[in-house]
Amino acid sequence: MSSPPASGHDAFADGAGSDPYLVLQLPATASTDDLRTAFRRLSKEVHPDTTTLPAAEAQEAFRQLRQAYALLSDPERRRAFDAHRRAVAASPWVGGGRPVSGRPVTLVSSRPEPVRRALSGGEWFALVLLAVALVLSLVLGLGVAWARGAELVRQPSWWGELRQEFQAPEAESLEPASPATARATGPIPSSLPSSVPQP
């Protein structure tokens, strides 16, 4: 196994991004605590907000660092990577970490993996505090309105006008027709006259 580079910047500059152990500057026997310590130390060195590297280079270095830590901090993925690494090193058909086909093996995903975690105690406290504030403000608003004598349930101003418009035609249609109106319109024939041709 090769020795890790001397500086954190060199590990990213010489293309060590393909091997997470080289990115984190650790041997393959490193413990979980060693991984965490190396990640924190190197993230301070290459984080885009705290480094002297150019912005694009710092972002790429920090992305590689996060991916390497994500791979090695997951025990199952680390075991699979270590098994693949041993198989590649022992294979006479593979040279330089490349399979026979000539395409590089991608072991670190380019997409960040979503992190699902439980809410912390502070986050739960903030949610409960927000709910209590919402309920208290609702009770306070209703209490003030009731103390002032305001109606708690009030119909909108346009409701009365709309109701009157719909009730007026109904009242007219329910009134019996006056004799003058009946004479003006004439009686309604009960059947068609016999002079109308039938089809």
Protein backbone atom coordinates (compact mmCIF):
# COMPACT_ATOMS: atom_id res chain seq x y z
CA MET A 1 0.00 0.00 0.00
CA SER A 2 1.29 3.48 -0.81
CA SER A 3 1.83 6.05 1.91
CA PRO A 4 -0.66 8.89 2.14
CA PRO A 5 0.30 12.27 0.71
CA ALA A 6 1.83 14.82 3.02
CA SER A 7 -0.68 17.59 2.50
CA GLY A 8 -4.47 17.60 2.17
CA HIS A 9 -4.30 19.77 -0.94
CA ASP A 10 -1.94 17.30 -2.67
CA ALA A 11 -4.35 14.41 -2.16
CA PHE A 12 -6.93 16.15 -4.30
CA ALA A 13 -4.52 17.62 -6.81
CA ASP A 14 -2.91 14.32 -7.85
CA GLY A 15 -6.18 12.53 -8.61
CA ALA A 16 -6.46 10.57 -5.39
CA GLY A 17 -10.21 11.08 -5.54
CA SER A 18 -10.68 7.52 -6.82
CA ASP A 19 -9.49 5.99 -3.53
CA PRO A 20 -11.34 7.23 -0.44
CA TYR A 21 -8.49 6.15 1.86
CA LEU A 22 -6.07 8.39 -0.04
CA VAL A 23 -8.59 11.26 0.01
CA LEU A 24 -8.91 10.97 3.79
CA GLN A 25 -5.14 10.29 4.11
CA LEU A 26 -5.73 7.14 6.16
CA PRO A 27 -4.63 3.52 5.97
CA ALA A 28 -7.23 0.86 5.19
CA THR A 29 -7.15 -0.23 8.84
CA ALA A 30 -8.39 3.14 10.12
CA SER A 31 -11.13 3.08 12.75
CA THR A 32 -14.41 4.98 12.63
CA ASP A 33 -13.00 7.58 15.03
CA ASP A 34 -9.95 8.00 12.78
CA LEU A 35 -12.28 8.56 9.80
CA ARG A 36 -14.26 11.21 11.67
CA THR A 37 -11.13 13.00 12.89
CA ALA A 38 -9.54 13.01 9.43
CA PHE A 39 -12.75 14.22 7.82
CA ARG A 40 -13.07 17.13 10.26
CA ARG A 41 -9.41 18.10 9.89
CA LEU A 42 -9.43 17.94 6.08
CA SER A 43 -12.81 19.64 5.74
CA LYS A 44 -11.34 22.66 7.51
CA GLU A 45 -8.47 22.65 5.01
CA VAL A 46 -10.49 22.30 1.81
CA HIS A 47 -13.89 23.78 2.63
CA PRO A 48 -14.69 26.51 0.04
CA ASP A 49 -15.33 29.06 2.82
CA THR A 50 -12.09 28.46 4.72
CA THR A 51 -9.44 27.53 2.13
CA THR A 52 -7.09 29.53 -0.03
CA LEU A 53 -7.70 27.24 -3.01
CA PRO A 54 -9.60 28.60 -6.03
CA ALA A 55 -13.38 28.25 -5.60
CA ALA A 56 -13.90 25.55 -8.26
CA GLU A 57 -10.99 23.46 -6.99
CA ALA A 58 -12.13 23.83 -3.37
CA GLN A 59 -15.67 22.74 -4.24
CA GLU A 60 -14.42 19.66 -6.08
CA ALA A 61 -12.01 18.77 -3.25
CA PHE A 62 -14.73 19.17 -0.63
CA ARG A 63 -17.15 17.08 -2.74
CA GLN A 64 -14.57 14.28 -2.99
CA LEU A 65 -13.92 14.49 0.74
CA ARG A 66 -17.64 14.21 1.58
CA GLN A 67 -18.08 11.28 -0.79
CA ALA A 68 -15.06 9.45 0.59
CA TYR A 69 -16.32 9.92 4.15
CA ALA A 70 -19.85 8.84 3.18
CA LEU A 71 -18.47 5.64 1.64
CA LEU A 72 -16.11 4.70 4.46
CA SER A 73 -18.37 5.71 7.36
CA ASP A 74 -21.07 3.25 6.23
CA PRO A 75 -19.91 -0.22 7.44
CA GLU A 76 -21.61 -2.18 4.65
CA ARG A 77 -20.35 0.05 1.86
CA ARG A 78 -16.86 0.05 3.38
CA ARG A 79 -16.79 -3.76 3.51
CA ALA A 80 -17.88 -3.93 -0.14
CA PHE A 81 -15.26 -1.35 -1.14
CA ASP A 82 -12.50 -3.16 0.78
CA ALA A 83 -13.47 -6.49 -0.81
CA HIS A 84 -13.42 -4.90 -4.27
CA ARG A 85 -10.10 -3.21 -3.54
CA ARG A 86 -8.53 -6.53 -2.45
CA ALA A 87 -9.93 -8.29 -5.52
CA VAL A 88 -8.50 -5.62 -7.83
CA ALA A 89 -5.10 -5.78 -6.13
CA ALA A 90 -4.98 -9.60 -6.34
CA SER A 91 -6.19 -9.88 -9.94
CA PRO A 92 -3.46 -10.46 -12.56
CA TRP A 93 -5.82 -9.13 -15.25
CA VAL A 94 -6.23 -5.68 -13.80
CA GLY A 95 -3.50 -3.08 -13.85
CA GLY A 96 -3.55 0.31 -12.27
CA GLY A 97 -7.02 -0.06 -10.82
CA ARG A 98 -8.63 -0.43 -14.25
CA PRO A 99 -10.60 -3.45 -15.40
CA VAL A 100 -9.77 -5.26 -18.62
CA SER A 101 -12.37 -3.21 -20.51
CA GLY A 102 -10.32 -0.06 -19.84
CA ARG A 103 -13.12 1.85 -18.14
CA PRO A 104 -12.47 3.09 -14.59
CA VAL A 105 -14.47 1.56 -11.78
CA THR A 106 -16.71 4.11 -10.10
CA LEU A 107 -17.01 3.32 -6.43
CA VAL A 108 -18.10 6.69 -5.13
CA SER A 109 -21.43 8.03 -6.30
CA SER A 110 -21.45 11.51 -7.83
CA ARG A 111 -24.86 12.21 -6.28
CA PRO A 112 -25.00 13.15 -2.63
CA GLU A 113 -26.96 10.65 -0.61
CA PRO A 114 -30.01 11.97 1.25
CA VAL A 115 -29.66 12.00 4.99
CA ARG A 116 -32.69 11.07 7.05
CA ARG A 117 -32.38 11.57 10.73
CA ALA A 118 -34.63 11.91 13.72
CA LEU A 119 -35.46 15.39 14.97
CA SER A 120 -33.26 16.58 17.79
CA GLY A 121 -34.60 17.67 21.17
CA GLY A 122 -34.17 21.33 20.23
CA GLU A 123 -36.13 20.86 17.00
CA TRP A 124 -38.97 19.11 18.86
CA PHE A 125 -38.99 21.90 21.43
CA ALA A 126 -39.22 24.53 18.66
CA LEU A 127 -42.15 22.68 17.03
CA VAL A 128 -44.01 22.40 20.34
CA LEU A 129 -43.34 26.05 21.10
CA LEU A 130 -44.68 27.03 17.68
CA ALA A 131 -47.86 24.97 18.19
CA VAL A 132 -48.44 26.48 21.65
CA ALA A 133 -47.94 30.01 20.28
CA LEU A 134 -50.43 29.30 17.48
CA VAL A 135 -53.10 27.99 19.88
CA LEU A 136 -52.57 30.87 22.34
CA SER A 137 -52.84 33.49 19.60
CA LEU A 138 -56.08 31.92 18.35
CA VAL A 139 -57.56 31.83 21.87
CA LEU A 140 -56.41 35.40 22.53
CA GLY A 141 -57.95 36.68 19.27
CA LEU A 142 -61.28 34.99 19.93
CA GLY A 143 -61.27 36.20 23.57
CA VAL A 144 -60.67 39.81 22.58
CA ALA A 145 -63.39 39.66 19.91
CA TRP A 146 -65.85 38.16 22.40
CA ALA A 147 -64.96 40.75 25.07
CA ARG A 148 -65.63 43.58 22.61
CA GLY A 149 -69.00 42.07 21.80
CA ALA A 150 -68.18 41.27 18.19
CA GLU A 151 -70.10 38.51 16.48
CA LEU A 152 -67.93 35.42 16.25
CA VAL A 153 -69.87 34.07 13.29
CA ARG A 154 -70.88 36.75 10.86
CA GLN A 155 -72.30 36.49 7.37
CA PRO A 156 -70.50 38.37 4.63
CA SER A 157 -72.02 41.68 3.51
CA TRP A 158 -72.85 40.39 0.03
CA TRP A 159 -74.77 37.39 1.39
CA GLY A 160 -77.92 39.42 2.27
CA GLU A 161 -78.07 41.06 -1.17
CA LEU A 162 -77.67 37.73 -2.92
CA ARG A 163 -80.34 36.17 -0.74
CA GLN A 164 -82.81 38.97 -1.52
CA GLU A 165 -82.20 38.60 -5.27
CA PHE A 166 -82.99 34.89 -5.17
CA GLN A 167 -85.99 35.23 -2.86
CA ALA A 168 -87.73 37.96 -4.94
CA PRO A 169 -88.31 35.81 -8.09
CA GLU A 170 -89.48 32.90 -5.96
CA ALA A 171 -92.06 35.10 -4.19
CA GLU A 172 -93.39 36.40 -7.52
CA SER A 173 -93.73 32.91 -9.02
CA LEU A 174 -95.60 31.64 -5.95
CA GLU A 175 -98.26 34.42 -6.03
CA PRO A 176 -101.49 33.44 -7.87
CA ALA A 177 -101.97 35.19 -11.18
CA SER A 178 -104.43 38.09 -11.11
CA PRO A 179 -107.50 37.90 -13.43
CA ALA A 180 -106.10 40.77 -15.53
CA THR A 181 -102.89 38.86 -16.13
CA ALA A 182 -104.78 35.71 -16.99
CA ARG A 183 -106.92 37.59 -19.59
CA ALA A 184 -103.87 39.23 -21.15
CA THR A 185 -102.03 36.00 -21.67
CA GLY A 186 -105.12 33.99 -22.50
CA PRO A 187 -105.98 30.46 -21.54
CA ILE A 188 -103.40 27.77 -22.12
CA PRO A 189 -104.71 25.26 -24.68
CA SER A 190 -104.92 21.74 -23.33
CA SER A 191 -104.21 20.20 -26.71
CA LEU A 192 -103.18 21.20 -30.19
CA PRO A 193 -105.97 22.20 -32.62
CA SER A 194 -107.04 19.55 -35.07
CA SER A 195 -106.04 21.75 -38.02
CA VAL A 196 -102.36 21.25 -37.26
CA PRO A 197 -101.02 18.61 -39.63
CA GLN A 198 -99.79 15.48 -37.97
CA PRO A 199 -96.49 14.06 -39.21
